Amino acid sequence: MLPVSVSTLEPNADSKPLITAQTLLTRLSTSLRLALSHCRPWTDFFDRTAFAKPASFSDATSRLRKNFSYFRANYLTILTAVLAFSLITHPFSLIILLSLIAAWLFLYALRPSELPLVIWGRTYSDIEKLAILVILTVVVIFFTSVGSLLISGIMMGIAIVCAHGAFRMSEDLFLDEQEPFGLGLFSFVSAAASSAAANAAAPVIVSRV
């Protein structure tokens, strides 16, 4: 039997963060394009001739249900835009939130399990990292302006959605079967994590001598 020698190539440590960031941005842009592709025509959404005062509260709720089923992607886009505008107008809160998201991504979600986190000579396990990130999230959401800003932005977006859904007549809308929207908005995180783990593993070359 021929002997088999196994050699391990050392991965380029400097290229792993670049590959991970590139994969993350690529999957994020793909998810955003997919989300926007579900939007109904904005000319129908803002058709001024289709707006009228509802006859009753039940009529308003009926319109809202049908409009939400039809313009679901448009409503989520508006809600996201309102939330983004609220954050952009408060740069300090935006920086804090982005820092928190970056900590979750690069310290937990995108970090390969084979690559431990070492700070000041101490190695942190996944449970310890998760506990620290959860505590940090609670502090950021409840003890800074980020939480109130997110809540106010979401409430403002919901108010806009409800107003449009109640006053936009739904008789001209024809519902059809749509694929579930929003399920893949953050799927790029798990996919990128798998890709990062694959990139972190050193390739093994098996050669016959």
N, C-alpha and C. Protein backbone atom coordinates (compact mmCIF):
# COMPACT_ATOMS: atom_id res chain seq x y z
N MET A 1 0.85 -1.19 0.00
CA MET A 1 0.00 0.00 0.00
C MET A 1 0.88 1.24 0.00
N LEU A 2 0.54 2.22 -0.83
CA LEU A 2 1.33 3.43 -0.92
C LEU A 2 1.11 4.29 0.31
N PRO A 3 2.18 4.86 0.86
CA PRO A 3 2.00 5.75 2.02
C PRO A 3 1.31 7.03 1.62
N VAL A 4 0.56 7.58 2.53
CA VAL A 4 -0.19 8.81 2.29
C VAL A 4 0.32 9.87 3.23
N SER A 5 0.73 10.99 2.68
CA SER A 5 1.19 12.10 3.51
C SER A 5 0.17 13.22 3.46
N VAL A 6 -0.12 13.79 4.61
CA VAL A 6 -1.10 14.85 4.72
C VAL A 6 -0.39 16.12 5.13
N SER A 7 -0.56 17.16 4.33
CA SER A 7 0.05 18.46 4.65
C SER A 7 -1.04 19.50 4.75
N THR A 8 -0.88 20.40 5.68
CA THR A 8 -1.88 21.44 5.92
C THR A 8 -1.32 22.77 5.51
N LEU A 9 -2.08 23.49 4.69
CA LEU A 9 -1.67 24.82 4.27
C LEU A 9 -2.15 25.84 5.28
N GLU A 10 -1.27 26.74 5.67
CA GLU A 10 -1.66 27.78 6.60
C GLU A 10 -2.48 28.83 5.87
N PRO A 11 -3.68 29.15 6.36
CA PRO A 11 -4.48 30.16 5.69
C PRO A 11 -3.91 31.54 5.92
N ASN A 12 -4.20 32.42 5.01
CA ASN A 12 -3.76 33.80 5.13
C ASN A 12 -4.65 34.52 6.12
N ALA A 13 -4.11 34.84 7.28
CA ALA A 13 -4.93 35.42 8.34
C ALA A 13 -5.44 36.80 7.97
N ASP A 14 -4.69 37.52 7.12
CA ASP A 14 -5.11 38.87 6.77
C ASP A 14 -6.27 38.87 5.80
N SER A 15 -6.47 37.77 5.05
CA SER A 15 -7.51 37.76 4.04
C SER A 15 -8.86 37.31 4.58
N LYS A 16 -8.90 36.67 5.75
CA LYS A 16 -10.17 36.16 6.26
C LYS A 16 -11.17 37.26 6.59
N PRO A 17 -10.80 38.33 7.31
CA PRO A 17 -11.78 39.37 7.57
C PRO A 17 -12.29 40.02 6.30
N LEU A 18 -11.39 40.18 5.28
CA LEU A 18 -11.81 40.78 4.03
C LEU A 18 -12.83 39.90 3.32
N ILE A 19 -12.57 38.59 3.29
CA ILE A 19 -13.51 37.67 2.66
C ILE A 19 -14.84 37.68 3.40
N THR A 20 -14.81 37.67 4.71
CA THR A 20 -16.04 37.68 5.50
C THR A 20 -16.84 38.94 5.24
N ALA A 21 -16.19 40.10 5.26
CA ALA A 21 -16.90 41.35 5.02
C ALA A 21 -17.47 41.40 3.60
N GLN A 22 -16.70 40.91 2.64
CA GLN A 22 -17.18 40.91 1.26
C GLN A 22 -18.39 40.00 1.11
N THR A 23 -18.35 38.83 1.74
CA THR A 23 -19.49 37.91 1.68
C THR A 23 -20.71 38.53 2.34
N LEU A 24 -20.49 39.19 3.47
CA LEU A 24 -21.59 39.83 4.19
C LEU A 24 -22.26 40.90 3.34
N LEU A 25 -21.45 41.78 2.73
CA LEU A 25 -22.01 42.85 1.91
C LEU A 25 -22.71 42.31 0.67
N THR A 26 -22.15 41.26 0.08
CA THR A 26 -22.77 40.67 -1.11
C THR A 26 -24.13 40.09 -0.79
N ARG A 27 -24.20 39.33 0.31
CA ARG A 27 -25.48 38.72 0.68
C ARG A 27 -26.48 39.76 1.15
N LEU A 28 -26.00 40.83 1.77
CA LEU A 28 -26.90 41.90 2.19
C LEU A 28 -27.51 42.60 0.99
N SER A 29 -26.68 42.94 0.00
CA SER A 29 -27.21 43.60 -1.20
C SER A 29 -28.16 42.69 -1.96
N THR A 30 -27.85 41.39 -2.00
CA THR A 30 -28.75 40.44 -2.68
C THR A 30 -30.09 40.36 -1.96
N SER A 31 -30.06 40.33 -0.63
CA SER A 31 -31.30 40.26 0.14
C SER A 31 -32.13 41.52 -0.04
N LEU A 32 -31.46 42.68 -0.09
CA LEU A 32 -32.19 43.93 -0.27
C LEU A 32 -32.82 44.00 -1.65
N ARG A 33 -32.09 43.56 -2.67
CA ARG A 33 -32.66 43.55 -4.02
C ARG A 33 -33.85 42.60 -4.10
N LEU A 34 -33.74 41.45 -3.44
CA LEU A 34 -34.85 40.50 -3.43
C LEU A 34 -36.05 41.08 -2.71
N ALA A 35 -35.80 41.79 -1.60
CA ALA A 35 -36.91 42.39 -0.85
C ALA A 35 -37.60 43.46 -1.68
N LEU A 36 -36.82 44.32 -2.34
CA LEU A 36 -37.42 45.39 -3.14
C LEU A 36 -38.14 44.85 -4.37
N SER A 37 -37.74 43.69 -4.85
CA SER A 37 -38.41 43.13 -6.03
C SER A 37 -39.84 42.71 -5.73
N HIS A 38 -40.19 42.55 -4.46
CA HIS A 38 -41.54 42.17 -4.08
C HIS A 38 -42.49 43.36 -4.00
N CYS A 39 -41.95 44.57 -4.11
CA CYS A 39 -42.79 45.76 -3.98
C CYS A 39 -43.76 45.88 -5.15
N ARG A 40 -44.98 46.29 -4.83
CA ARG A 40 -45.95 46.61 -5.88
C ARG A 40 -45.56 47.95 -6.52
N PRO A 41 -46.08 48.24 -7.71
CA PRO A 41 -45.74 49.53 -8.35
C PRO A 41 -46.09 50.71 -7.44
N TRP A 42 -45.13 51.61 -7.29
CA TRP A 42 -45.35 52.74 -6.40
C TRP A 42 -46.39 53.71 -6.96
N THR A 43 -46.61 53.68 -8.28
CA THR A 43 -47.68 54.51 -8.84
C THR A 43 -49.05 54.06 -8.34
N ASP A 44 -49.22 52.75 -8.15
CA ASP A 44 -50.47 52.25 -7.57
C ASP A 44 -50.54 52.58 -6.08
N PHE A 45 -49.40 52.54 -5.43
CA PHE A 45 -49.37 52.79 -4.00
C PHE A 45 -49.75 54.24 -3.69
N PHE A 46 -49.28 55.19 -4.52
CA PHE A 46 -49.53 56.61 -4.28
C PHE A 46 -50.60 57.18 -5.22
N ASP A 47 -51.46 56.33 -5.77
CA ASP A 47 -52.51 56.80 -6.66
C ASP A 47 -53.51 57.67 -5.89
N ARG A 48 -53.49 58.97 -6.18
CA ARG A 48 -54.33 59.90 -5.40
C ARG A 48 -55.82 59.68 -5.63
N THR A 49 -56.18 59.15 -6.80
CA THR A 49 -57.60 58.93 -7.08
C THR A 49 -58.16 57.74 -6.30
N ALA A 50 -57.29 56.96 -5.68
CA ALA A 50 -57.74 55.76 -4.96
C ALA A 50 -57.91 56.01 -3.47
N PHE A 51 -57.75 57.26 -3.03
CA PHE A 51 -57.88 57.57 -1.61
C PHE A 51 -59.24 58.17 -1.32
N ALA A 52 -59.85 57.68 -0.26
CA ALA A 52 -61.15 58.20 0.17
C ALA A 52 -61.33 57.88 1.64
N LYS A 53 -62.15 58.69 2.29
CA LYS A 53 -62.41 58.48 3.72
C LYS A 53 -63.23 57.21 3.91
N PRO A 54 -62.82 56.34 4.83
CA PRO A 54 -63.60 55.11 5.06
C PRO A 54 -64.97 55.43 5.65
N ALA A 55 -65.95 54.63 5.28
CA ALA A 55 -67.31 54.87 5.74
C ALA A 55 -67.49 54.57 7.22
N SER A 56 -66.72 53.62 7.73
CA SER A 56 -66.85 53.23 9.14
C SER A 56 -65.53 52.63 9.60
N PHE A 57 -65.50 52.32 10.89
CA PHE A 57 -64.28 51.71 11.43
C PHE A 57 -64.06 50.33 10.85
N SER A 58 -65.14 49.57 10.66
CA SER A 58 -65.00 48.24 10.07
C SER A 58 -64.52 48.33 8.62
N ASP A 59 -64.96 49.37 7.91
CA ASP A 59 -64.49 49.57 6.55
C ASP A 59 -63.00 49.89 6.54
N ALA A 60 -62.57 50.69 7.51
CA ALA A 60 -61.15 51.04 7.60
C ALA A 60 -60.29 49.81 7.90
N THR A 61 -60.74 48.98 8.83
CA THR A 61 -59.97 47.78 9.16
C THR A 61 -59.96 46.79 8.00
N SER A 62 -61.08 46.72 7.26
CA SER A 62 -61.13 45.83 6.10
C SER A 62 -60.15 46.30 5.03
N ARG A 63 -60.13 47.62 4.79
CA ARG A 63 -59.17 48.16 3.83
C ARG A 63 -57.73 47.90 4.28
N LEU A 64 -57.50 48.09 5.56
CA LEU A 64 -56.14 47.92 6.08
C LEU A 64 -55.66 46.49 5.90
N ARG A 65 -56.52 45.52 6.17
CA ARG A 65 -56.13 44.12 6.01
C ARG A 65 -55.82 43.80 4.55
N LYS A 66 -56.68 44.27 3.65
CA LYS A 66 -56.48 43.95 2.24
C LYS A 66 -55.28 44.71 1.68
N ASN A 67 -55.14 45.97 2.06
CA ASN A 67 -54.00 46.75 1.58
C ASN A 67 -52.68 46.19 2.11
N PHE A 68 -52.69 45.74 3.35
CA PHE A 68 -51.45 45.18 3.89
C PHE A 68 -51.08 43.89 3.17
N SER A 69 -52.09 43.08 2.84
CA SER A 69 -51.80 41.85 2.10
C SER A 69 -51.25 42.15 0.71
N TYR A 70 -51.74 43.24 0.11
CA TYR A 70 -51.34 43.57 -1.26
C TYR A 70 -50.03 44.37 -1.28
N PHE A 71 -49.92 45.38 -0.41
CA PHE A 71 -48.75 46.26 -0.39
C PHE A 71 -47.79 45.91 0.74
N ARG A 72 -47.74 44.67 1.12
CA ARG A 72 -46.93 44.26 2.27
C ARG A 72 -45.47 44.68 2.13
N ALA A 73 -44.89 44.40 0.98
CA ALA A 73 -43.48 44.75 0.77
C ALA A 73 -43.29 46.26 0.76
N ASN A 74 -44.23 47.00 0.19
CA ASN A 74 -44.14 48.46 0.18
C ASN A 74 -44.20 49.02 1.61
N TYR A 75 -45.09 48.46 2.41
CA TYR A 75 -45.21 48.93 3.79
C TYR A 75 -43.92 48.66 4.58
N LEU A 76 -43.36 47.49 4.39
CA LEU A 76 -42.12 47.17 5.10
C LEU A 76 -40.97 48.06 4.62
N THR A 77 -40.98 48.41 3.34
CA THR A 77 -39.97 49.32 2.82
C THR A 77 -40.11 50.71 3.45
N ILE A 78 -41.34 51.19 3.56
CA ILE A 78 -41.58 52.50 4.18
C ILE A 78 -41.20 52.47 5.65
N LEU A 79 -41.57 51.39 6.33
CA LEU A 79 -41.21 51.27 7.75
C LEU A 79 -39.70 51.29 7.93
N THR A 80 -38.99 50.59 7.06
CA THR A 80 -37.53 50.58 7.13
C THR A 80 -36.96 51.96 6.82
N ALA A 81 -37.54 52.65 5.84
CA ALA A 81 -37.06 53.98 5.49
C ALA A 81 -37.27 54.98 6.63
N VAL A 82 -38.42 54.91 7.28
CA VAL A 82 -38.69 55.81 8.41
C VAL A 82 -37.72 55.53 9.55
N LEU A 83 -37.49 54.25 9.82
CA LEU A 83 -36.56 53.88 10.88
C LEU A 83 -35.14 54.32 10.54
N ALA A 84 -34.75 54.16 9.28
CA ALA A 84 -33.42 54.60 8.86
C ALA A 84 -33.28 56.12 8.97
N PHE A 85 -34.33 56.84 8.59
CA PHE A 85 -34.28 58.31 8.69
C PHE A 85 -34.15 58.75 10.14
N SER A 86 -34.86 58.06 11.04
CA SER A 86 -34.76 58.40 12.46
C SER A 86 -33.35 58.19 12.98
N LEU A 87 -32.70 57.14 12.52
CA LEU A 87 -31.34 56.86 12.98
C LEU A 87 -30.33 57.82 12.35
N ILE A 88 -30.52 58.14 11.07
CA ILE A 88 -29.57 59.03 10.40
C ILE A 88 -29.60 60.42 11.02
N THR A 89 -30.77 60.86 11.44
CA THR A 89 -30.87 62.19 12.05
C THR A 89 -30.33 62.22 13.47
N HIS A 90 -29.95 61.08 14.00
CA HIS A 90 -29.33 61.00 15.33
C HIS A 90 -28.03 60.20 15.19
N PRO A 91 -26.96 60.83 14.73
CA PRO A 91 -25.72 60.10 14.41
C PRO A 91 -25.13 59.34 15.59
N PHE A 92 -25.19 59.91 16.78
CA PHE A 92 -24.60 59.23 17.93
C PHE A 92 -25.30 57.91 18.21
N SER A 93 -26.62 57.91 18.18
CA SER A 93 -27.37 56.67 18.38
C SER A 93 -27.11 55.69 17.25
N LEU A 94 -26.95 56.20 16.04
CA LEU A 94 -26.67 55.33 14.90
C LEU A 94 -25.32 54.64 15.06
N ILE A 95 -24.32 55.39 15.53
CA ILE A 95 -22.99 54.81 15.74
C ILE A 95 -23.05 53.72 16.81
N ILE A 96 -23.79 53.98 17.88
CA ILE A 96 -23.91 52.98 18.95
C ILE A 96 -24.59 51.72 18.43
N LEU A 97 -25.67 51.89 17.67
CA LEU A 97 -26.39 50.73 17.15
C LEU A 97 -25.54 49.94 16.16
N LEU A 98 -24.83 50.63 15.28
CA LEU A 98 -23.96 49.95 14.32
C LEU A 98 -22.82 49.22 15.03
N SER A 99 -22.31 49.81 16.09
CA SER A 99 -21.26 49.14 16.86
C SER A 99 -21.79 47.87 17.52
N LEU A 100 -23.02 47.94 18.02
CA LEU A 100 -23.63 46.75 18.63
C LEU A 100 -23.84 45.65 17.59
N ILE A 101 -24.35 46.04 16.42
CA ILE A 101 -24.56 45.05 15.35
C ILE A 101 -23.24 44.44 14.91
N ALA A 102 -22.21 45.29 14.78
CA ALA A 102 -20.89 44.79 14.38
C ALA A 102 -20.34 43.82 15.42
N ALA A 103 -20.58 44.11 16.70
CA ALA A 103 -20.11 43.20 17.76
C ALA A 103 -20.80 41.85 17.64
N TRP A 104 -22.10 41.84 17.40
CA TRP A 104 -22.83 40.58 17.24
C TRP A 104 -22.33 39.80 16.02
N LEU A 105 -22.08 40.51 14.93
CA LEU A 105 -21.68 39.83 13.70
C LEU A 105 -20.28 39.25 13.80
N PHE A 106 -19.32 40.08 14.19
CA PHE A 106 -17.93 39.67 14.09
C PHE A 106 -17.40 38.97 15.35
N LEU A 107 -18.14 39.06 16.45
CA LEU A 107 -17.72 38.34 17.64
C LEU A 107 -18.51 37.06 17.87
N TYR A 108 -19.67 36.93 17.21
CA TYR A 108 -20.49 35.74 17.46
C TYR A 108 -21.01 35.11 16.16
N ALA A 109 -21.80 35.86 15.39
CA ALA A 109 -22.48 35.25 14.24
C ALA A 109 -21.50 34.83 13.15
N LEU A 110 -20.53 35.68 12.84
CA LEU A 110 -19.61 35.39 11.74
C LEU A 110 -18.29 34.80 12.21
N ARG A 111 -18.12 34.64 13.49
CA ARG A 111 -16.84 34.14 14.00
C ARG A 111 -16.84 32.62 13.98
N PRO A 112 -15.87 32.00 13.31
CA PRO A 112 -15.81 30.53 13.30
C PRO A 112 -15.61 29.98 14.70
N SER A 113 -16.26 28.86 14.97
CA SER A 113 -16.14 28.25 16.30
C SER A 113 -14.73 27.77 16.58
N GLU A 114 -13.96 27.49 15.50
CA GLU A 114 -12.58 27.04 15.70
C GLU A 114 -11.64 28.19 16.07
N LEU A 115 -12.12 29.42 15.94
CA LEU A 115 -11.29 30.58 16.23
C LEU A 115 -11.75 31.21 17.54
N PRO A 116 -11.11 30.89 18.66
CA PRO A 116 -11.57 31.41 19.96
C PRO A 116 -11.30 32.90 20.09
N LEU A 117 -12.07 33.53 20.96
CA LEU A 117 -11.88 34.94 21.26
C LEU A 117 -10.96 35.07 22.48
N VAL A 118 -9.84 35.71 22.28
CA VAL A 118 -8.85 35.87 23.35
C VAL A 118 -8.65 37.36 23.59
N ILE A 119 -8.91 37.80 24.82
CA ILE A 119 -8.72 39.19 25.22
C ILE A 119 -7.87 39.22 26.47
N TRP A 120 -6.71 39.91 26.37
CA TRP A 120 -5.78 40.03 27.48
C TRP A 120 -5.38 38.66 28.05
N GLY A 121 -5.16 37.72 27.16
CA GLY A 121 -4.70 36.40 27.56
C GLY A 121 -5.79 35.47 28.05
N ARG A 122 -7.04 35.90 28.07
CA ARG A 122 -8.14 35.06 28.53
C ARG A 122 -8.99 34.63 27.34
N THR A 123 -9.28 33.34 27.26
CA THR A 123 -10.09 32.79 26.18
C THR A 123 -11.56 32.72 26.62
N TYR A 124 -12.44 33.27 25.78
CA TYR A 124 -13.86 33.30 26.09
C TYR A 124 -14.59 32.24 25.27
N SER A 125 -15.44 31.47 25.94
CA SER A 125 -16.24 30.45 25.26
C SER A 125 -17.43 31.10 24.56
N ASP A 126 -18.14 30.29 23.76
CA ASP A 126 -19.32 30.81 23.06
C ASP A 126 -20.40 31.26 24.04
N ILE A 127 -20.58 30.52 25.13
CA ILE A 127 -21.59 30.90 26.12
C ILE A 127 -21.23 32.24 26.76
N GLU A 128 -19.96 32.43 27.07
CA GLU A 128 -19.53 33.68 27.67
C GLU A 128 -19.69 34.84 26.69
N LYS A 129 -19.34 34.61 25.44
CA LYS A 129 -19.52 35.67 24.44
C LYS A 129 -20.99 36.02 24.28
N LEU A 130 -21.85 35.01 24.25
CA LEU A 130 -23.28 35.26 24.11
C LEU A 130 -23.82 36.04 25.30
N ALA A 131 -23.40 35.67 26.50
CA ALA A 131 -23.87 36.36 27.70
C ALA A 131 -23.43 37.82 27.70
N ILE A 132 -22.18 38.07 27.32
CA ILE A 132 -21.67 39.44 27.27
C ILE A 132 -22.43 40.27 26.24
N LEU A 133 -22.69 39.68 25.07
CA LEU A 133 -23.40 40.41 24.03
C LEU A 133 -24.84 40.69 24.42
N VAL A 134 -25.49 39.74 25.09
CA VAL A 134 -26.87 39.95 25.54
C VAL A 134 -26.92 41.09 26.56
N ILE A 135 -26.00 41.07 27.52
CA ILE A 135 -25.96 42.14 28.52
C ILE A 135 -25.69 43.48 27.86
N LEU A 136 -24.76 43.49 26.91
CA LEU A 136 -24.44 44.73 26.19
C LEU A 136 -25.65 45.24 25.41
N THR A 137 -26.41 44.31 24.81
CA THR A 137 -27.61 44.70 24.07
C THR A 137 -28.66 45.32 24.98
N VAL A 138 -28.86 44.70 26.14
CA VAL A 138 -29.83 45.24 27.11
C VAL A 138 -29.43 46.64 27.55
N VAL A 139 -28.15 46.83 27.81
CA VAL A 139 -27.67 48.15 28.24
C VAL A 139 -27.89 49.19 27.14
N VAL A 140 -27.57 48.83 25.90
CA VAL A 140 -27.71 49.77 24.79
C VAL A 140 -29.18 50.12 24.54
N ILE A 141 -30.05 49.11 24.58
CA ILE A 141 -31.46 49.34 24.25
C ILE A 141 -32.19 50.10 25.36
N PHE A 142 -31.92 49.75 26.61
CA PHE A 142 -32.73 50.29 27.71
C PHE A 142 -32.06 51.45 28.45
N PHE A 143 -30.77 51.64 28.28
CA PHE A 143 -30.09 52.68 29.05
C PHE A 143 -29.44 53.75 28.17
N THR A 144 -29.74 53.73 26.89
CA THR A 144 -29.30 54.79 25.99
C THR A 144 -30.50 55.27 25.18
N SER A 145 -30.26 56.24 24.32
CA SER A 145 -31.35 56.79 23.50
C SER A 145 -31.70 55.88 22.32
N VAL A 146 -30.95 54.81 22.13
CA VAL A 146 -31.20 53.94 20.98
C VAL A 146 -32.57 53.28 21.08
N GLY A 147 -32.92 52.78 22.26
CA GLY A 147 -34.20 52.10 22.43
C GLY A 147 -35.39 53.00 22.14
N SER A 148 -35.40 54.20 22.74
CA SER A 148 -36.51 55.12 22.51
C SER A 148 -36.57 55.57 21.06
N LEU A 149 -35.40 55.72 20.43
CA LEU A 149 -35.36 56.12 19.03
C LEU A 149 -35.94 55.03 18.13
N LEU A 150 -35.59 53.78 18.40
CA LEU A 150 -36.13 52.68 17.62
C LEU A 150 -37.64 52.57 17.80
N ILE A 151 -38.10 52.70 19.03
CA ILE A 151 -39.54 52.58 19.29
C ILE A 151 -40.30 53.71 18.61
N SER A 152 -39.79 54.95 18.72
CA SER A 152 -40.48 56.08 18.09
C SER A 152 -40.49 55.95 16.57
N GLY A 153 -39.38 55.47 15.99
CA GLY A 153 -39.34 55.28 14.54
C GLY A 153 -40.31 54.21 14.08
N ILE A 154 -40.37 53.11 14.82
CA ILE A 154 -41.30 52.03 14.46
C ILE A 154 -42.74 52.49 14.60
N MET A 155 -43.05 53.21 15.68
CA MET A 155 -44.42 53.69 15.88
C MET A 155 -44.82 54.68 14.79
N MET A 156 -43.89 55.55 14.39
CA MET A 156 -44.19 56.49 13.31
C MET A 156 -44.44 55.76 12.00
N GLY A 157 -43.62 54.74 11.72
CA GLY A 157 -43.82 53.96 10.51
C GLY A 157 -45.14 53.22 10.52
N ILE A 158 -45.51 52.65 11.67
CA ILE A 158 -46.79 51.94 11.78
C ILE A 158 -47.95 52.91 11.59
N ALA A 159 -47.82 54.14 12.11
CA ALA A 159 -48.88 55.13 11.93
C ALA A 159 -49.07 55.47 10.45
N ILE A 160 -47.97 55.62 9.72
CA ILE A 160 -48.06 55.91 8.28
C ILE A 160 -48.71 54.74 7.55
N VAL A 161 -48.33 53.52 7.91
CA VAL A 161 -48.90 52.34 7.27
C VAL A 161 -50.40 52.25 7.54
N CYS A 162 -50.80 52.47 8.78
CA CYS A 162 -52.22 52.38 9.14
C CYS A 162 -53.02 53.47 8.43
N ALA A 163 -52.47 54.68 8.35
CA ALA A 163 -53.18 55.77 7.68
C ALA A 163 -53.37 55.46 6.20
N HIS A 164 -52.31 54.99 5.56
CA HIS A 164 -52.43 54.65 4.14
C HIS A 164 -53.40 53.49 3.94
N GLY A 165 -53.28 52.46 4.76
CA GLY A 165 -54.14 51.30 4.60
C GLY A 165 -55.60 51.60 4.84
N ALA A 166 -55.90 52.55 5.73
CA ALA A 166 -57.30 52.87 6.04
C ALA A 166 -57.93 53.76 4.98
N PHE A 167 -57.14 54.65 4.37
CA PHE A 167 -57.71 55.60 3.42
C PHE A 167 -57.54 55.17 1.96
N ARG A 168 -56.71 54.19 1.70
CA ARG A 168 -56.52 53.73 0.33
C ARG A 168 -57.59 52.70 0.00
N MET A 169 -58.45 53.01 -0.99
CA MET A 169 -59.51 52.08 -1.36
C MET A 169 -58.91 50.81 -1.94
N SER A 170 -59.52 49.69 -1.59
CA SER A 170 -58.94 48.39 -1.96
C SER A 170 -59.79 47.63 -2.98
N GLU A 171 -60.81 48.28 -3.54
CA GLU A 171 -61.68 47.57 -4.47
C GLU A 171 -60.96 47.20 -5.77
N ASP A 172 -59.94 47.98 -6.13
CA ASP A 172 -59.25 47.73 -7.40
C ASP A 172 -58.05 46.81 -7.24
N LEU A 173 -57.86 46.28 -6.05
CA LEU A 173 -56.70 45.42 -5.80
C LEU A 173 -57.10 43.96 -5.95
N PHE A 174 -56.27 43.22 -6.63
CA PHE A 174 -56.52 41.80 -6.84
C PHE A 174 -55.36 41.02 -6.24
N LEU A 175 -55.65 40.31 -5.18
CA LEU A 175 -54.61 39.57 -4.47
C LEU A 175 -54.25 38.32 -5.24
N ASP A 176 -52.99 37.98 -5.20
CA ASP A 176 -52.52 36.73 -5.77
C ASP A 176 -51.58 36.08 -4.77
N GLU A 177 -51.18 34.87 -5.08
CA GLU A 177 -50.29 34.14 -4.18
C GLU A 177 -48.89 34.73 -4.29
N GLN A 178 -48.34 35.15 -3.15
CA GLN A 178 -47.00 35.68 -3.10
C GLN A 178 -46.13 34.80 -2.22
N GLU A 179 -44.86 34.79 -2.55
CA GLU A 179 -43.93 34.08 -1.70
C GLU A 179 -43.80 34.83 -0.39
N PRO A 180 -43.58 34.11 0.71
CA PRO A 180 -43.43 34.79 1.99
C PRO A 180 -42.30 35.80 1.92
N PHE A 181 -42.62 37.03 2.34
CA PHE A 181 -41.64 38.10 2.26
C PHE A 181 -41.00 38.31 3.62
N GLY A 182 -39.71 38.56 3.59
CA GLY A 182 -39.01 38.89 4.81
C GLY A 182 -38.30 37.73 5.45
N LEU A 183 -38.54 36.50 4.94
CA LEU A 183 -37.89 35.36 5.57
C LEU A 183 -36.40 35.35 5.30
N GLY A 184 -36.00 35.94 4.18
CA GLY A 184 -34.59 35.88 3.83
C GLY A 184 -33.83 37.16 4.06
N LEU A 185 -34.42 38.12 4.77
CA LEU A 185 -33.76 39.40 4.93
C LEU A 185 -32.46 39.27 5.70
N PHE A 186 -32.43 38.38 6.69
CA PHE A 186 -31.23 38.24 7.50
C PHE A 186 -30.62 36.86 7.36
N SER A 187 -31.04 36.15 6.33
CA SER A 187 -30.46 34.83 6.13
C SER A 187 -29.01 34.92 5.71
N PHE A 188 -28.60 36.11 5.20
CA PHE A 188 -27.22 36.27 4.78
C PHE A 188 -26.27 36.14 5.97
N VAL A 189 -26.75 36.39 7.18
CA VAL A 189 -25.88 36.31 8.36
C VAL A 189 -25.45 34.88 8.60
N SER A 190 -26.43 33.95 8.61
CA SER A 190 -26.08 32.56 8.84
C SER A 190 -25.27 31.99 7.69
N ALA A 191 -25.63 32.40 6.47
CA ALA A 191 -24.88 31.91 5.31
C ALA A 191 -23.46 32.44 5.32
N ALA A 192 -23.31 33.70 5.70
CA ALA A 192 -21.97 34.27 5.77
C ALA A 192 -21.16 33.62 6.88
N ALA A 193 -21.83 33.26 7.97
CA ALA A 193 -21.13 32.58 9.05
C ALA A 193 -20.60 31.23 8.59
N SER A 194 -21.42 30.50 7.83
CA SER A 194 -20.96 29.22 7.31
C SER A 194 -19.78 29.41 6.36
N SER A 195 -19.87 30.46 5.54
CA SER A 195 -18.77 30.74 4.61
C SER A 195 -17.51 31.11 5.36
N ALA A 196 -17.66 31.90 6.43
CA ALA A 196 -16.49 32.29 7.21
C ALA A 196 -15.85 31.09 7.87
N ALA A 197 -16.68 30.17 8.37
CA ALA A 197 -16.14 28.97 8.98
C ALA A 197 -15.39 28.12 7.97
N ALA A 198 -15.93 28.06 6.75
CA ALA A 198 -15.26 27.30 5.70
C ALA A 198 -13.93 27.93 5.32
N ASN A 199 -13.92 29.27 5.28
CA ASN A 199 -12.68 29.96 4.93
C ASN A 199 -11.64 29.84 6.04
N ALA A 200 -12.10 29.70 7.28
CA ALA A 200 -11.16 29.61 8.39
C ALA A 200 -10.48 28.25 8.46
N ALA A 201 -11.16 27.22 7.95
CA ALA A 201 -10.58 25.89 8.00
C ALA A 201 -9.45 25.78 6.99
N ALA A 202 -8.35 25.24 7.40
CA ALA A 202 -7.20 25.11 6.50
C ALA A 202 -7.43 23.96 5.55
N PRO A 203 -7.18 24.17 4.27
CA PRO A 203 -7.35 23.09 3.31
C PRO A 203 -6.32 21.99 3.51
N VAL A 204 -6.77 20.78 3.37
CA VAL A 204 -5.90 19.63 3.55
C VAL A 204 -5.60 19.01 2.20
N ILE A 205 -4.32 18.84 1.89
CA ILE A 205 -3.90 18.27 0.61
C ILE A 205 -3.37 16.86 0.85
N VAL A 206 -3.99 15.94 0.19
CA VAL A 206 -3.57 14.55 0.32
C VAL A 206 -2.83 14.17 -0.95
N SER A 207 -1.60 13.79 -0.79
CA SER A 207 -0.79 13.42 -1.95
C SER A 207 -0.24 12.01 -1.76
N ARG A 208 -0.17 11.28 -2.83
CA ARG A 208 0.39 9.94 -2.78
C ARG A 208 1.86 10.01 -3.15
N VAL A 209 2.67 9.35 -2.36
CA VAL A 209 4.11 9.33 -2.59
C VAL A 209 4.46 8.02 -3.31
